Amino acid sequence: MGRLAGKGAIVIGAANRDNMGQVIARRFAAEGATVVVAGRKRDELDRLADEIGGHAALCDITSRADIFALAAFAKDKLGHVDIALNATGWGLLKPFLETTEEEFDQMSALQFKGPFMFYQAVIGVMDRGGSIIQISSATATIMLNDHAAYMGAKAGTDHIIRVVAHEFGQRGIRANSISPGLTATPMTAGHMAIPGLTEAFLPEYPLGRIGTSDDIAAAAVWLASDECFMTGENLQVNGGLTLRRNPTREEVAASIARAAGA
């Protein structure tokens, strides 16, 4: 019997082929959960739901109506919602002084307001307690050049997770976040293919490698399971990156130049 047998789960941010949300949804299903996968691409969601024996729902996390409809859909399909994981988002690469108000609002809606509303919605359908899991980022704790709006929103979301844990623990609801570092995913593949870029980051990882979505999924399964007696915490699943630091803009540029033979 799997560690999540009999549990109903929502994974939002699972609409891109083999992204972190999809890997986590597959792992939840392999551990016995029935999963509602959500996002903005119907064909990809339907394909994944068929693969794992779950359900698919279109949902834009920046839409309050969509989020509450997702929670109601999941409750109807699953009977009970025990796990809710948010893996949506992407990082805006933009120098601090060049970030526009529109870009700031976009990051805030996607990385802070949307998750806030997601927690509100799923708490309303967690009738028998449960686990809320937010995919955060090591950059909510340590610095990375040119990601200010993203980093600030992630740090705020981590603190809202603590608020949820504090206010709803008596209902048996746990809330935690997971902070990856640089992780090999389809979204990061283009950047990681740049000669010299990954080499700039590797020295800052005590375990000597970049993370994978499987690393994050393993942590998510534990946080979702009844084995976990943790709430209000940020789990650093990044190979020890947060013991050190991200490389500076200049160090990354120098590593890329060396790889190019410059």
C-alpha atoms as a PDB file:
ATOM      1  CA  MET A   1       0.000   0.000   0.000  1.00  0.00           C
ATOM      2  CA  GLY A   2       1.365   3.413  -0.947  1.00  0.00           C
ATOM      3  CA  ARG A   3       2.134   6.159   1.519  1.00  0.00           C
ATOM      4  CA  LEU A   4      -0.755   8.270   0.160  1.00  0.00           C
ATOM      5  CA  ALA A   5      -3.305   5.475  -0.279  1.00  0.00           C
ATOM      6  CA  GLY A   6      -6.884   6.700  -0.040  1.00  0.00           C
ATOM      7  CA  LYS A   7      -5.975  10.383  -0.204  1.00  0.00           C
ATOM      8  CA  GLY A   8      -7.371  12.952  -2.610  1.00  0.00           C
ATOM      9  CA  ALA A   9      -4.916  15.498  -3.984  1.00  0.00           C
ATOM     10  CA  ILE A  10      -4.853  18.678  -6.052  1.00  0.00           C
ATOM     11  CA  VAL A  11      -1.709  19.585  -7.970  1.00  0.00           C
ATOM     12  CA  ILE A  12      -1.909  22.936  -9.732  1.00  0.00           C
ATOM     13  CA  GLY A  13       0.855  23.828 -12.151  1.00  0.00           C
ATOM     14  CA  ALA A  14       0.840  20.486 -13.971  1.00  0.00           C
ATOM     15  CA  ALA A  15      -0.003  21.540 -17.523  1.00  0.00           C
ATOM     16  CA  ASN A  16       3.444  21.486 -19.115  1.00  0.00           C
ATOM     17  CA  ARG A  17       4.958  18.216 -20.303  1.00  0.00           C
ATOM     18  CA  ASP A  18       7.219  16.645 -17.660  1.00  0.00           C
ATOM     19  CA  ASN A  19       7.427  19.797 -15.564  1.00  0.00           C
ATOM     20  CA  MET A  20       7.811  19.673 -11.793  1.00  0.00           C
ATOM     21  CA  GLY A  21       4.050  19.646 -11.213  1.00  0.00           C
ATOM     22  CA  GLN A  22       3.593  16.658 -13.510  1.00  0.00           C
ATOM     23  CA  VAL A  23       6.428  14.734 -11.866  1.00  0.00           C
ATOM     24  CA  ILE A  24       4.898  15.375  -8.445  1.00  0.00           C
ATOM     25  CA  ALA A  25       1.410  14.379  -9.621  1.00  0.00           C
ATOM     26  CA  ARG A  26       2.775  11.099 -10.976  1.00  0.00           C
ATOM     27  CA  ARG A  27       4.561  10.404  -7.703  1.00  0.00           C
ATOM     28  CA  PHE A  28       1.432  11.152  -5.669  1.00  0.00           C
ATOM     29  CA  ALA A  29      -0.558   8.761  -7.861  1.00  0.00           C
ATOM     30  CA  ALA A  30       2.134   6.082  -7.615  1.00  0.00           C
ATOM     31  CA  GLU A  31       1.852   6.353  -3.829  1.00  0.00           C
ATOM     32  CA  GLY A  32      -1.898   5.712  -3.975  1.00  0.00           C
ATOM     33  CA  ALA A  33      -3.480   9.168  -4.143  1.00  0.00           C
ATOM     34  CA  THR A  34      -6.205  10.116  -6.600  1.00  0.00           C
ATOM     35  CA  VAL A  35      -5.068  13.382  -8.139  1.00  0.00           C
ATOM     36  CA  VAL A  36      -6.807  16.342  -9.745  1.00  0.00           C
ATOM     37  CA  VAL A  37      -4.254  18.014 -12.000  1.00  0.00           C
ATOM     38  CA  ALA A  38      -4.836  21.650 -12.867  1.00  0.00           C
ATOM     39  CA  GLY A  39      -3.394  24.316 -15.104  1.00  0.00           C
ATOM     40  CA  ARG A  40      -4.074  26.163 -18.337  1.00  0.00           C
ATOM     41  CA  LYS A  41      -3.546  23.552 -21.094  1.00  0.00           C
ATOM     42  CA  ARG A  42      -6.514  21.209 -21.485  1.00  0.00           C
ATOM     43  CA  ASP A  43      -4.899  18.652 -23.813  1.00  0.00           C
ATOM     44  CA  GLU A  44      -1.848  18.180 -21.601  1.00  0.00           C
ATOM     45  CA  LEU A  45      -3.951  17.968 -18.442  1.00  0.00           C
ATOM     46  CA  ASP A  46      -6.257  15.370 -19.991  1.00  0.00           C
ATOM     47  CA  ARG A  47      -3.266  13.315 -21.128  1.00  0.00           C
ATOM     48  CA  LEU A  48      -1.738  13.346 -17.648  1.00  0.00           C
ATOM     49  CA  ALA A  49      -5.042  12.591 -15.916  1.00  0.00           C
ATOM     50  CA  ASP A  50      -5.561   9.565 -18.176  1.00  0.00           C
ATOM     51  CA  GLU A  51      -2.004   8.401 -17.479  1.00  0.00           C
ATOM     52  CA  ILE A  52      -2.337   8.517 -13.688  1.00  0.00           C
ATOM     53  CA  GLY A  53      -6.019   7.668 -13.334  1.00  0.00           C
ATOM     54  CA  GLY A  54      -6.962  11.104 -12.060  1.00  0.00           C
ATOM     55  CA  HIS A  55      -9.002  14.115 -13.120  1.00  0.00           C
ATOM     56  CA  ALA A  56      -8.166  17.286 -15.051  1.00  0.00           C
ATOM     57  CA  ALA A  57      -9.331  20.843 -14.452  1.00  0.00           C
ATOM     58  CA  LEU A  58      -8.544  24.072 -16.240  1.00  0.00           C
ATOM     59  CA  CYS A  59      -7.464  26.738 -13.775  1.00  0.00           C
ATOM     60  CA  ASP A  60      -5.636  30.054 -13.917  1.00  0.00           C
ATOM     61  CA  ILE A  61      -4.148  30.632 -10.472  1.00  0.00           C
ATOM     62  CA  THR A  62      -4.458  34.390 -10.901  1.00  0.00           C
ATOM     63  CA  SER A  63      -8.270  34.031 -11.120  1.00  0.00           C
ATOM     64  CA  ARG A  64     -10.127  33.776  -7.821  1.00  0.00           C
ATOM     65  CA  ALA A  65     -13.172  32.330  -9.588  1.00  0.00           C
ATOM     66  CA  ASP A  66     -11.043  29.635 -11.227  1.00  0.00           C
ATOM     67  CA  ILE A  67      -9.346  28.684  -7.978  1.00  0.00           C
ATOM     68  CA  PHE A  68     -12.544  28.290  -5.981  1.00  0.00           C
ATOM     69  CA  ALA A  69     -14.124  26.376  -8.862  1.00  0.00           C
ATOM     70  CA  LEU A  70     -11.101  24.051  -8.825  1.00  0.00           C
ATOM     71  CA  ALA A  71     -11.508  23.377  -5.117  1.00  0.00           C
ATOM     72  CA  ALA A  72     -15.216  22.607  -5.566  1.00  0.00           C
ATOM     73  CA  PHE A  73     -14.478  20.370  -8.570  1.00  0.00           C
ATOM     74  CA  ALA A  74     -11.873  18.435  -6.607  1.00  0.00           C
ATOM     75  CA  LYS A  75     -14.195  17.965  -3.641  1.00  0.00           C
ATOM     76  CA  ASP A  76     -16.922  16.694  -5.969  1.00  0.00           C
ATOM     77  CA  LYS A  77     -14.650  14.283  -7.860  1.00  0.00           C
ATOM     78  CA  LEU A  78     -12.576  13.048  -4.924  1.00  0.00           C
ATOM     79  CA  GLY A  79     -15.062  13.183  -2.072  1.00  0.00           C
ATOM     80  CA  HIS A  80     -12.366  14.685   0.142  1.00  0.00           C
ATOM     81  CA  VAL A  81      -9.310  16.829  -0.433  1.00  0.00           C
ATOM     82  CA  ASP A  82      -6.352  15.816   1.723  1.00  0.00           C
ATOM     83  CA  ILE A  83      -3.429  17.285  -0.209  1.00  0.00           C
ATOM     84  CA  ALA A  84      -3.131  20.561  -2.116  1.00  0.00           C
ATOM     85  CA  LEU A  85       0.134  21.456  -3.829  1.00  0.00           C
ATOM     86  CA  ASN A  86       0.926  24.586  -5.797  1.00  0.00           C
ATOM     87  CA  ALA A  87       3.708  24.242  -8.367  1.00  0.00           C
ATOM     88  CA  THR A  88       2.744  27.176 -10.590  1.00  0.00           C
ATOM     89  CA  GLY A  89       5.020  29.987 -11.586  1.00  0.00           C
ATOM     90  CA  TRP A  90       8.166  31.095 -13.322  1.00  0.00           C
ATOM     91  CA  GLY A  91      10.903  33.559 -12.493  1.00  0.00           C
ATOM     92  CA  LEU A  92      11.132  37.002 -14.065  1.00  0.00           C
ATOM     93  CA  LEU A  93      14.749  37.701 -15.064  1.00  0.00           C
ATOM     94  CA  LYS A  94      15.004  41.495 -14.914  1.00  0.00           C
ATOM     95  CA  PRO A  95      17.348  43.945 -13.167  1.00  0.00           C
ATOM     96  CA  PHE A  96      15.778  45.641 -10.150  1.00  0.00           C
ATOM     97  CA  LEU A  97      15.717  49.164 -11.575  1.00  0.00           C
ATOM     98  CA  GLU A  98      14.369  47.977 -14.923  1.00  0.00           C
ATOM     99  CA  THR A  99      11.418  46.011 -13.528  1.00  0.00           C
ATOM    100  CA  THR A 100       8.203  47.710 -14.622  1.00  0.00           C
ATOM    101  CA  GLU A 101       5.050  48.111 -12.575  1.00  0.00           C
ATOM    102  CA  GLU A 102       3.283  45.727 -14.960  1.00  0.00           C
ATOM    103  CA  GLU A 103       5.979  43.088 -14.454  1.00  0.00           C
ATOM    104  CA  PHE A 104       5.867  43.559 -10.691  1.00  0.00           C
ATOM    105  CA  ASP A 105       2.086  43.145 -10.697  1.00  0.00           C
ATOM    106  CA  GLN A 106       2.388  40.041 -12.877  1.00  0.00           C
ATOM    107  CA  MET A 107       4.853  38.391 -10.492  1.00  0.00           C
ATOM    108  CA  SER A 108       2.787  39.390  -7.462  1.00  0.00           C
ATOM    109  CA  ALA A 109      -0.399  37.951  -8.961  1.00  0.00           C
ATOM    110  CA  LEU A 110       1.265  34.706  -9.962  1.00  0.00           C
ATOM    111  CA  GLN A 111       3.596  34.120  -7.035  1.00  0.00           C
ATOM    112  CA  PHE A 112       1.791  35.733  -4.077  1.00  0.00           C
ATOM    113  CA  LYS A 113      -1.855  36.658  -4.624  1.00  0.00           C
ATOM    114  CA  GLY A 114      -2.654  33.447  -6.518  1.00  0.00           C
ATOM    115  CA  PRO A 115      -1.163  31.118  -3.893  1.00  0.00           C
ATOM    116  CA  PHE A 116      -2.883  33.130  -1.129  1.00  0.00           C
ATOM    117  CA  MET A 117      -6.268  32.549  -2.797  1.00  0.00           C
ATOM    118  CA  PHE A 118      -5.405  28.899  -3.480  1.00  0.00           C
ATOM    119  CA  TYR A 119      -4.851  28.300   0.233  1.00  0.00           C
ATOM    120  CA  GLN A 120      -8.161  30.001   1.032  1.00  0.00           C
ATOM    121  CA  ALA A 121     -10.000  27.794  -1.445  1.00  0.00           C
ATOM    122  CA  VAL A 122      -8.509  24.456  -0.437  1.00  0.00           C
ATOM    123  CA  ILE A 123      -8.845  25.091   3.292  1.00  0.00           C
ATOM    124  CA  GLY A 124     -12.568  25.389   2.637  1.00  0.00           C
ATOM    125  CA  VAL A 125     -12.757  21.824   1.295  1.00  0.00           C
ATOM    126  CA  MET A 126     -10.332  20.107   3.689  1.00  0.00           C
ATOM    127  CA  ASP A 127     -13.008  18.641   5.925  1.00  0.00           C
ATOM    128  CA  ARG A 128     -10.747  16.091   7.597  1.00  0.00           C
ATOM    129  CA  GLY A 129      -7.490  18.016   7.786  1.00  0.00           C
ATOM    130  CA  GLY A 130      -4.767  17.763   5.218  1.00  0.00           C
ATOM    131  CA  SER A 131      -1.478  19.014   3.865  1.00  0.00           C
ATOM    132  CA  ILE A 132      -0.908  22.215   1.889  1.00  0.00           C
ATOM    133  CA  ILE A 133       2.410  22.331   0.053  1.00  0.00           C
ATOM    134  CA  GLN A 134       3.899  25.315  -1.748  1.00  0.00           C
ATOM    135  CA  ILE A 135       6.808  25.018  -4.163  1.00  0.00           C
ATOM    136  CA  SER A 136       8.942  27.993  -3.189  1.00  0.00           C
ATOM    137  CA  SER A 137      12.558  28.797  -4.048  1.00  0.00           C
ATOM    138  CA  ALA A 138      15.953  28.968  -2.389  1.00  0.00           C
ATOM    139  CA  THR A 139      16.007  32.560  -3.627  1.00  0.00           C
ATOM    140  CA  ALA A 140      13.396  33.432  -1.012  1.00  0.00           C
ATOM    141  CA  THR A 141      16.306  33.020   1.425  1.00  0.00           C
ATOM    142  CA  ILE A 142      19.521  33.723  -0.496  1.00  0.00           C
ATOM    143  CA  MET A 143      20.329  36.229  -3.186  1.00  0.00           C
ATOM    144  CA  LEU A 144      20.222  35.848  -6.971  1.00  0.00           C
ATOM    145  CA  ASN A 145      20.819  38.795  -9.271  1.00  0.00           C
ATOM    146  CA  ASP A 146      17.997  40.146 -11.430  1.00  0.00           C
ATOM    147  CA  HIS A 147      15.070  38.245  -9.871  1.00  0.00           C
ATOM    148  CA  ALA A 148      13.831  40.782  -7.300  1.00  0.00           C
ATOM    149  CA  ALA A 149      10.077  40.650  -7.984  1.00  0.00           C
ATOM    150  CA  TYR A 150      10.090  36.843  -8.057  1.00  0.00           C
ATOM    151  CA  MET A 151      12.213  36.529  -4.922  1.00  0.00           C
ATOM    152  CA  GLY A 152      10.136  38.982  -2.927  1.00  0.00           C
ATOM    153  CA  ALA A 153       6.881  37.258  -3.837  1.00  0.00           C
ATOM    154  CA  LYS A 154       8.287  33.835  -2.916  1.00  0.00           C
ATOM    155  CA  ALA A 155       9.469  35.124   0.457  1.00  0.00           C
ATOM    156  CA  GLY A 156       6.018  36.539   1.130  1.00  0.00           C
ATOM    157  CA  THR A 157       4.354  33.265   0.188  1.00  0.00           C
ATOM    158  CA  ASP A 158       6.632  31.361   2.565  1.00  0.00           C
ATOM    159  CA  HIS A 159       5.406  33.566   5.394  1.00  0.00           C
ATOM    160  CA  ILE A 160       1.748  33.113   4.445  1.00  0.00           C
ATOM    161  CA  ILE A 161       2.377  29.358   4.684  1.00  0.00           C
ATOM    162  CA  ARG A 162       3.418  29.969   8.303  1.00  0.00           C
ATOM    163  CA  VAL A 163       0.234  31.968   8.884  1.00  0.00           C
ATOM    164  CA  VAL A 164      -1.899  29.121   7.502  1.00  0.00           C
ATOM    165  CA  ALA A 165      -0.057  26.589   9.661  1.00  0.00           C
ATOM    166  CA  HIS A 166      -0.594  28.734  12.752  1.00  0.00           C
ATOM    167  CA  GLU A 167      -4.262  29.502  12.158  1.00  0.00           C
ATOM    168  CA  PHE A 168      -5.508  26.120  10.919  1.00  0.00           C
ATOM    169  CA  GLY A 169      -3.412  23.586  12.793  1.00  0.00           C
ATOM    170  CA  GLN A 170      -6.272  22.877  15.179  1.00  0.00           C
ATOM    171  CA  ARG A 171      -8.262  21.664  12.186  1.00  0.00           C
ATOM    172  CA  GLY A 172      -5.535  19.175  11.369  1.00  0.00           C
ATOM    173  CA  ILE A 173      -4.277  21.186   8.407  1.00  0.00           C
ATOM    174  CA  ARG A 174      -0.521  21.334   7.919  1.00  0.00           C
ATOM    175  CA  ALA A 175       1.163  23.854   5.629  1.00  0.00           C
ATOM    176  CA  ASN A 176       4.769  23.756   4.457  1.00  0.00           C
ATOM    177  CA  SER A 177       6.875  24.928   1.535  1.00  0.00           C
ATOM    178  CA  ILE A 178       9.731  23.356  -0.405  1.00  0.00           C
ATOM    179  CA  SER A 179      12.629  25.435  -1.708  1.00  0.00           C
ATOM    180  CA  PRO A 180      14.501  23.996  -4.689  1.00  0.00           C
ATOM    181  CA  GLY A 181      17.618  25.595  -6.072  1.00  0.00           C
ATOM    182  CA  LEU A 182      18.542  25.361  -9.730  1.00  0.00           C
ATOM    183  CA  THR A 183      16.595  22.308 -10.890  1.00  0.00           C
ATOM    184  CA  ALA A 184      16.734  20.393 -14.150  1.00  0.00           C
ATOM    185  CA  THR A 185      13.271  20.821 -15.706  1.00  0.00           C
ATOM    186  CA  PRO A 186      11.952  21.535 -19.205  1.00  0.00           C
ATOM    187  CA  MET A 187      11.630  25.193 -18.155  1.00  0.00           C
ATOM    188  CA  THR A 188      15.303  25.506 -17.205  1.00  0.00           C
ATOM    189  CA  ALA A 189      16.668  23.297 -19.993  1.00  0.00           C
ATOM    190  CA  GLY A 190      17.403  26.178 -22.347  1.00  0.00           C
ATOM    191  CA  HIS A 191      19.419  28.089 -19.763  1.00  0.00           C
ATOM    192  CA  MET A 192      21.234  24.999 -18.518  1.00  0.00           C
ATOM    193  CA  ALA A 193      22.253  24.171 -22.089  1.00  0.00           C
ATOM    194  CA  ILE A 194      24.310  27.374 -22.252  1.00  0.00           C
ATOM    195  CA  PRO A 195      27.939  26.228 -21.970  1.00  0.00           C
ATOM    196  CA  GLY A 196      29.409  27.390 -18.682  1.00  0.00           C
ATOM    197  CA  LEU A 197      26.171  28.338 -16.953  1.00  0.00           C
ATOM    198  CA  THR A 198      25.648  25.185 -14.904  1.00  0.00           C
ATOM    199  CA  GLU A 199      29.373  25.136 -14.117  1.00  0.00           C
ATOM    200  CA  ALA A 200      28.997  28.544 -12.477  1.00  0.00           C
ATOM    201  CA  PHE A 201      26.404  27.184 -10.056  1.00  0.00           C
ATOM    202  CA  LEU A 202      27.818  23.740  -9.251  1.00  0.00           C
ATOM    203  CA  PRO A 203      30.585  24.850  -6.835  1.00  0.00           C
ATOM    204  CA  GLU A 204      27.898  26.302  -4.563  1.00  0.00           C
ATOM    205  CA  TYR A 205      26.136  22.928  -4.167  1.00  0.00           C
ATOM    206  CA  PRO A 206      27.794  20.891  -1.374  1.00  0.00           C
ATOM    207  CA  LEU A 207      26.249  17.678  -2.731  1.00  0.00           C
ATOM    208  CA  GLY A 208      27.889  18.339  -6.069  1.00  0.00           C
ATOM    209  CA  ARG A 209      24.925  18.235  -8.420  1.00  0.00           C
ATOM    210  CA  ILE A 210      21.917  20.202  -9.590  1.00  0.00           C
ATOM    211  CA  GLY A 211      18.534  19.045  -8.307  1.00  0.00           C
ATOM    212  CA  THR A 212      15.824  17.215 -10.221  1.00  0.00           C
ATOM    213  CA  SER A 213      12.044  17.233 -10.069  1.00  0.00           C
ATOM    214  CA  ASP A 214      12.254  13.737  -8.587  1.00  0.00           C
ATOM    215  CA  ASP A 215      14.136  15.200  -5.611  1.00  0.00           C
ATOM    216  CA  ILE A 216      11.319  17.669  -5.031  1.00  0.00           C
ATOM    217  CA  ALA A 217       8.613  15.041  -5.557  1.00  0.00           C
ATOM    218  CA  ALA A 218      10.179  12.793  -2.920  1.00  0.00           C
ATOM    219  CA  ALA A 219      10.033  15.624  -0.393  1.00  0.00           C
ATOM    220  CA  ALA A 220       6.454  16.443  -1.384  1.00  0.00           C
ATOM    221  CA  VAL A 221       5.341  12.848  -0.800  1.00  0.00           C
ATOM    222  CA  TRP A 222       6.739  12.954   2.719  1.00  0.00           C
ATOM    223  CA  LEU A 223       5.096  16.310   3.480  1.00  0.00           C
ATOM    224  CA  ALA A 224       1.788  14.965   2.139  1.00  0.00           C
ATOM    225  CA  SER A 225       1.954  11.710   4.083  1.00  0.00           C
ATOM    226  CA  ASP A 226       0.754  10.859   7.567  1.00  0.00           C
ATOM    227  CA  GLU A 227       4.403  10.266   8.510  1.00  0.00           C
ATOM    228  CA  CYS A 228       5.000  14.007   8.544  1.00  0.00           C
ATOM    229  CA  PHE A 229       4.709  15.840  11.882  1.00  0.00           C
ATOM    230  CA  MET A 230       5.793  19.194  10.512  1.00  0.00           C
ATOM    231  CA  THR A 231       3.951  22.411   9.831  1.00  0.00           C
ATOM    232  CA  GLY A 232       4.828  26.015   9.144  1.00  0.00           C
ATOM    233  CA  GLU A 233       8.254  25.098   7.821  1.00  0.00           C
ATOM    234  CA  ASN A 234      10.275  25.741   4.695  1.00  0.00           C
ATOM    235  CA  LEU A 235      12.076  22.597   3.547  1.00  0.00           C
ATOM    236  CA  GLN A 236      15.329  23.402   1.749  1.00  0.00           C
ATOM    237  CA  VAL A 237      15.636  20.676  -0.905  1.00  0.00           C
ATOM    238  CA  ASN A 238      18.537  22.085  -2.881  1.00  0.00           C
ATOM    239  CA  GLY A 239      21.622  20.007  -2.211  1.00  0.00           C
ATOM    240  CA  GLY A 240      22.918  22.436   0.402  1.00  0.00           C
ATOM    241  CA  LEU A 241      22.828  25.550  -1.799  1.00  0.00           C
ATOM    242  CA  THR A 242      21.432  27.653   1.038  1.00  0.00           C
ATOM    243  CA  LEU A 243      24.542  26.862   3.088  1.00  0.00           C
ATOM    244  CA  ARG A 244      26.407  28.905   0.502  1.00  0.00           C
ATOM    245  CA  ARG A 245      25.158  31.314  -2.169  1.00  0.00           C
ATOM    246  CA  ASN A 246      24.227  31.695  -5.802  1.00  0.00           C
ATOM    247  CA  PRO A 247      26.986  32.936  -8.114  1.00  0.00           C
ATOM    248  CA  THR A 248      27.018  36.623  -8.940  1.00  0.00           C
ATOM    249  CA  ARG A 249      26.101  38.013 -12.340  1.00  0.00           C
ATOM    250  CA  GLU A 250      29.801  38.575 -13.025  1.00  0.00           C
ATOM    251  CA  GLU A 251      30.752  35.022 -12.024  1.00  0.00           C
ATOM    252  CA  VAL A 252      28.126  33.548 -14.338  1.00  0.00           C
ATOM    253  CA  ALA A 253      29.302  35.729 -17.221  1.00  0.00           C
ATOM    254  CA  ALA A 254      32.928  34.740 -16.610  1.00  0.00           C
ATOM    255  CA  SER A 255      32.063  31.033 -16.550  1.00  0.00           C
ATOM    256  CA  ILE A 256      30.151  31.318 -19.831  1.00  0.00           C
ATOM    257  CA  ALA A 257      33.052  33.234 -21.381  1.00  0.00           C
ATOM    258  CA  ARG A 258      35.540  30.565 -20.300  1.00  0.00           C
ATOM    259  CA  ALA A 259      33.359  27.837 -21.794  1.00  0.00           C
ATOM    260  CA  ALA A 260      33.269  29.775 -25.062  1.00  0.00           C
ATOM    261  CA  GLY A 261      37.055  30.044 -25.074  1.00  0.00           C
ATOM    262  CA  ALA A 262      37.008  33.797 -24.651  1.00  0.00           C
END
